[in-house]
Amino acid sequence: LPGLESLPPTSRNTAHRKPPGGIENCTNTSWNNKFIMSNAIAKASCVVIGGGPAALQAALFLGRASVATRVIGLPDRSDLAYGRVIGNYFGLAEDMPGKALLENGVLQVKKYNIEVVPEEVVDLVRSEENVFRTVTETGKEYLSDTVLVATGQAHTRAGIQGEEKFLG
């Protein structure tokens, strides 16, 4: 991602650092008249599009590096959410349902002041000044300097009779 090379170096033990701030209100509408700013919400350094484990892990790394980050996606639509028993993730002492693992991931990224917006992205536009506008299904607009797309794979069914009892 452009701009990530300018991140401050991180130490191995970052638990002592304060959660990131830096999400700023974007009230200057003169930078690009092509963007409709009436629905725009505070600007972040990075918007992560996706709600599954890849998106949450990316947001976790960004948050620990003190990058103002926002996640926009639907964790409950992740393929992981349909897993009944997950035991093959490093660090899990006990098996757990995929939905619980995703809920833990959301709580973990929120520890670093990362906003998780549970909506679907319907549009993404980059201005001439390299500012991204991410639009959600409800019409909300989120501005950022960078975008990381980690949409993974949504859960799809095969359409086989009796499939429901074997899911997970």
Protein backbone atom coordinates (compact mmCIF):
# COMPACT_ATOMS: atom_id res chain seq x y z
CA LEU A 1 0.00 0.00 0.00
CA PRO A 2 1.26 3.48 -0.76
CA GLY A 3 2.36 5.26 2.36
CA LEU A 4 2.96 2.16 4.47
CA GLU A 5 6.70 2.50 3.96
CA SER A 6 6.54 5.70 5.99
CA LEU A 7 5.08 4.00 9.07
CA PRO A 8 7.07 4.40 12.25
CA PRO A 9 9.14 1.36 13.17
CA THR A 10 7.47 -0.92 15.67
CA SER A 11 9.06 -2.78 18.51
CA ARG A 12 8.40 -6.42 19.35
CA ASN A 13 6.51 -5.47 22.47
CA THR A 14 3.90 -2.88 21.55
CA ALA A 15 1.51 -3.56 24.42
CA HIS A 16 2.75 -0.43 26.21
CA ARG A 17 1.67 1.87 23.37
CA LYS A 18 -1.57 3.78 23.47
CA PRO A 19 -4.25 2.91 20.91
CA PRO A 20 -4.02 5.01 17.74
CA GLY A 21 -5.83 8.25 17.20
CA GLY A 22 -5.57 10.23 14.03
CA ILE A 23 -8.97 9.78 12.45
CA GLU A 24 -9.74 13.33 11.54
CA ASN A 25 -12.82 15.12 10.33
CA CYS A 26 -12.69 15.99 6.68
CA THR A 27 -14.50 19.27 6.25
CA ASN A 28 -12.54 20.68 3.31
CA THR A 29 -14.72 20.18 0.24
CA SER A 30 -12.52 22.22 -2.12
CA TRP A 31 -10.08 19.38 -2.85
CA ASN A 32 -12.36 17.61 -5.32
CA ASN A 33 -15.81 18.68 -6.41
CA LYS A 34 -16.42 15.22 -7.89
CA PHE A 35 -16.95 13.81 -4.39
CA ILE A 36 -20.23 14.51 -2.66
CA MET A 37 -19.12 15.34 0.86
CA SER A 38 -22.51 15.61 2.55
CA ASN A 39 -22.45 11.94 3.63
CA ALA A 40 -18.71 11.71 4.32
CA ILE A 41 -17.59 10.52 7.73
CA ALA A 42 -14.23 11.17 9.40
CA LYS A 43 -11.17 10.36 7.32
CA ALA A 44 -8.91 7.45 8.28
CA SER A 45 -5.43 6.58 7.07
CA CYS A 46 -6.66 3.19 5.88
CA VAL A 47 -10.00 1.54 5.19
CA VAL A 48 -9.96 -2.26 5.23
CA ILE A 49 -12.74 -3.71 3.10
CA GLY A 50 -13.90 -7.11 4.33
CA GLY A 51 -15.17 -8.67 7.52
CA GLY A 52 -13.48 -12.04 7.73
CA PRO A 53 -10.27 -13.19 9.38
CA ALA A 54 -7.98 -11.71 6.71
CA ALA A 55 -9.55 -8.25 7.05
CA LEU A 56 -9.55 -8.36 10.85
CA GLN A 57 -5.93 -9.56 10.94
CA ALA A 58 -4.87 -6.78 8.56
CA ALA A 59 -6.69 -4.23 10.73
CA LEU A 60 -5.02 -5.65 13.82
CA PHE A 61 -1.55 -5.17 12.30
CA LEU A 62 -2.41 -1.62 11.22
CA GLY A 63 -3.88 -0.75 14.60
CA ARG A 64 -0.84 -2.07 16.46
CA ALA A 65 1.29 0.11 14.16
CA SER A 66 -0.79 3.13 15.23
CA VAL A 67 -2.36 3.59 11.78
CA ALA A 68 -5.84 5.14 11.98
CA THR A 69 -7.90 2.32 10.51
CA ARG A 70 -11.54 1.54 9.81
CA VAL A 71 -12.92 -1.90 8.82
CA ILE A 72 -15.98 -2.00 6.59
CA GLY A 73 -17.49 -5.44 6.13
CA LEU A 74 -19.81 -8.11 7.41
CA PRO A 75 -18.11 -10.68 9.66
CA ASP A 76 -21.27 -12.80 9.81
CA ARG A 77 -21.03 -13.37 6.03
CA SER A 78 -17.50 -14.72 6.27
CA ASP A 79 -17.04 -18.39 5.43
CA LEU A 80 -15.52 -18.77 8.90
CA ALA A 81 -18.83 -17.79 10.52
CA TYR A 82 -20.33 -21.08 9.31
CA GLY A 83 -17.67 -23.25 10.93
CA ARG A 84 -19.16 -25.20 13.83
CA VAL A 85 -15.85 -26.28 15.34
CA ILE A 86 -12.59 -24.44 14.63
CA GLY A 87 -9.49 -25.97 16.16
CA ASN A 88 -6.79 -25.44 13.57
CA TYR A 89 -5.93 -21.81 14.37
CA PHE A 90 -2.65 -21.15 16.14
CA GLY A 91 -3.13 -20.01 19.71
CA LEU A 92 -6.56 -21.53 20.29
CA ALA A 93 -6.38 -23.58 23.46
CA GLU A 94 -9.94 -24.86 22.96
CA ASP A 95 -12.01 -25.49 19.87
CA MET A 96 -14.70 -22.88 19.26
CA PRO A 97 -17.36 -22.01 16.69
CA GLY A 98 -16.21 -19.82 13.81
CA LYS A 99 -18.71 -17.12 14.71
CA ALA A 100 -17.20 -16.87 18.21
CA LEU A 101 -13.72 -16.64 16.71
CA LEU A 102 -14.85 -13.76 14.49
CA GLU A 103 -16.50 -12.02 17.45
CA ASN A 104 -13.22 -12.30 19.36
CA GLY A 105 -11.41 -10.82 16.36
CA VAL A 106 -13.76 -7.83 16.27
CA LEU A 107 -13.23 -7.24 20.00
CA GLN A 108 -9.48 -7.51 19.53
CA VAL A 109 -9.28 -4.86 16.78
CA LYS A 110 -11.55 -2.54 18.76
CA LYS A 111 -8.90 -2.53 21.52
CA TYR A 112 -6.83 -0.43 19.10
CA ASN A 113 -9.62 2.10 18.45
CA ILE A 114 -10.45 0.55 15.10
CA GLU A 115 -14.03 1.17 14.09
CA VAL A 116 -15.80 -1.84 12.57
CA VAL A 117 -18.64 -0.81 10.27
CA PRO A 118 -20.96 -3.80 9.66
CA GLU A 119 -22.08 -2.82 6.17
CA GLU A 120 -21.41 -3.91 2.62
CA VAL A 121 -19.27 -1.72 0.37
CA VAL A 122 -21.03 -0.80 -2.88
CA ASP A 123 -18.61 1.72 -4.39
CA LEU A 124 -14.97 2.76 -4.17
CA VAL A 125 -13.59 5.83 -5.94
CA ARG A 126 -10.14 7.43 -5.87
CA SER A 127 -9.90 11.19 -6.37
CA GLU A 128 -7.29 12.97 -8.42
CA GLU A 129 -5.60 13.81 -5.10
CA ASN A 130 -5.41 10.07 -4.22
CA VAL A 131 -8.04 10.19 -1.50
CA PHE A 132 -10.35 7.17 -1.49
CA ARG A 133 -14.10 7.38 -0.96
CA THR A 134 -15.68 4.12 0.14
CA VAL A 135 -19.49 4.06 -0.06
CA THR A 136 -21.61 1.55 1.86
CA GLU A 137 -25.03 0.08 1.13
CA THR A 138 -26.69 2.71 3.36
CA GLY A 139 -25.05 5.56 1.43
CA LYS A 140 -22.47 6.44 4.08
CA GLU A 141 -19.15 7.62 2.68
CA TYR A 142 -15.79 6.97 4.33
CA LEU A 143 -12.61 8.76 3.26
CA SER A 144 -9.10 7.34 3.53
CA ASP A 145 -5.59 7.70 2.21
CA THR A 146 -5.30 3.97 1.45
CA VAL A 147 -7.59 0.98 0.99
CA LEU A 148 -6.80 -2.63 1.74
CA VAL A 149 -9.17 -5.14 0.14
CA ALA A 150 -9.42 -8.40 2.09
CA THR A 151 -12.82 -9.69 1.07
CA GLY A 152 -11.96 -13.38 1.07
CA GLN A 153 -14.70 -15.74 0.08
CA ALA A 154 -18.33 -15.44 1.06
CA HIS A 155 -20.09 -18.60 2.15
CA THR A 156 -21.92 -20.23 -0.73
CA ARG A 157 -23.98 -23.37 -0.73
CA ALA A 158 -23.77 -26.17 -3.25
CA GLY A 159 -27.55 -26.55 -3.46
CA ILE A 160 -27.50 -30.26 -2.58
CA GLN A 161 -30.58 -31.73 -0.90
CA GLY A 162 -29.93 -32.15 2.85
CA GLU A 163 -26.84 -29.90 2.71
CA GLU A 164 -28.01 -27.86 5.71
CA LYS A 165 -27.35 -30.64 8.22
CA PHE A 166 -23.72 -30.96 7.06
CA LEU A 167 -22.74 -27.28 7.10
CA GLY A 168 -19.88 -26.37 9.42
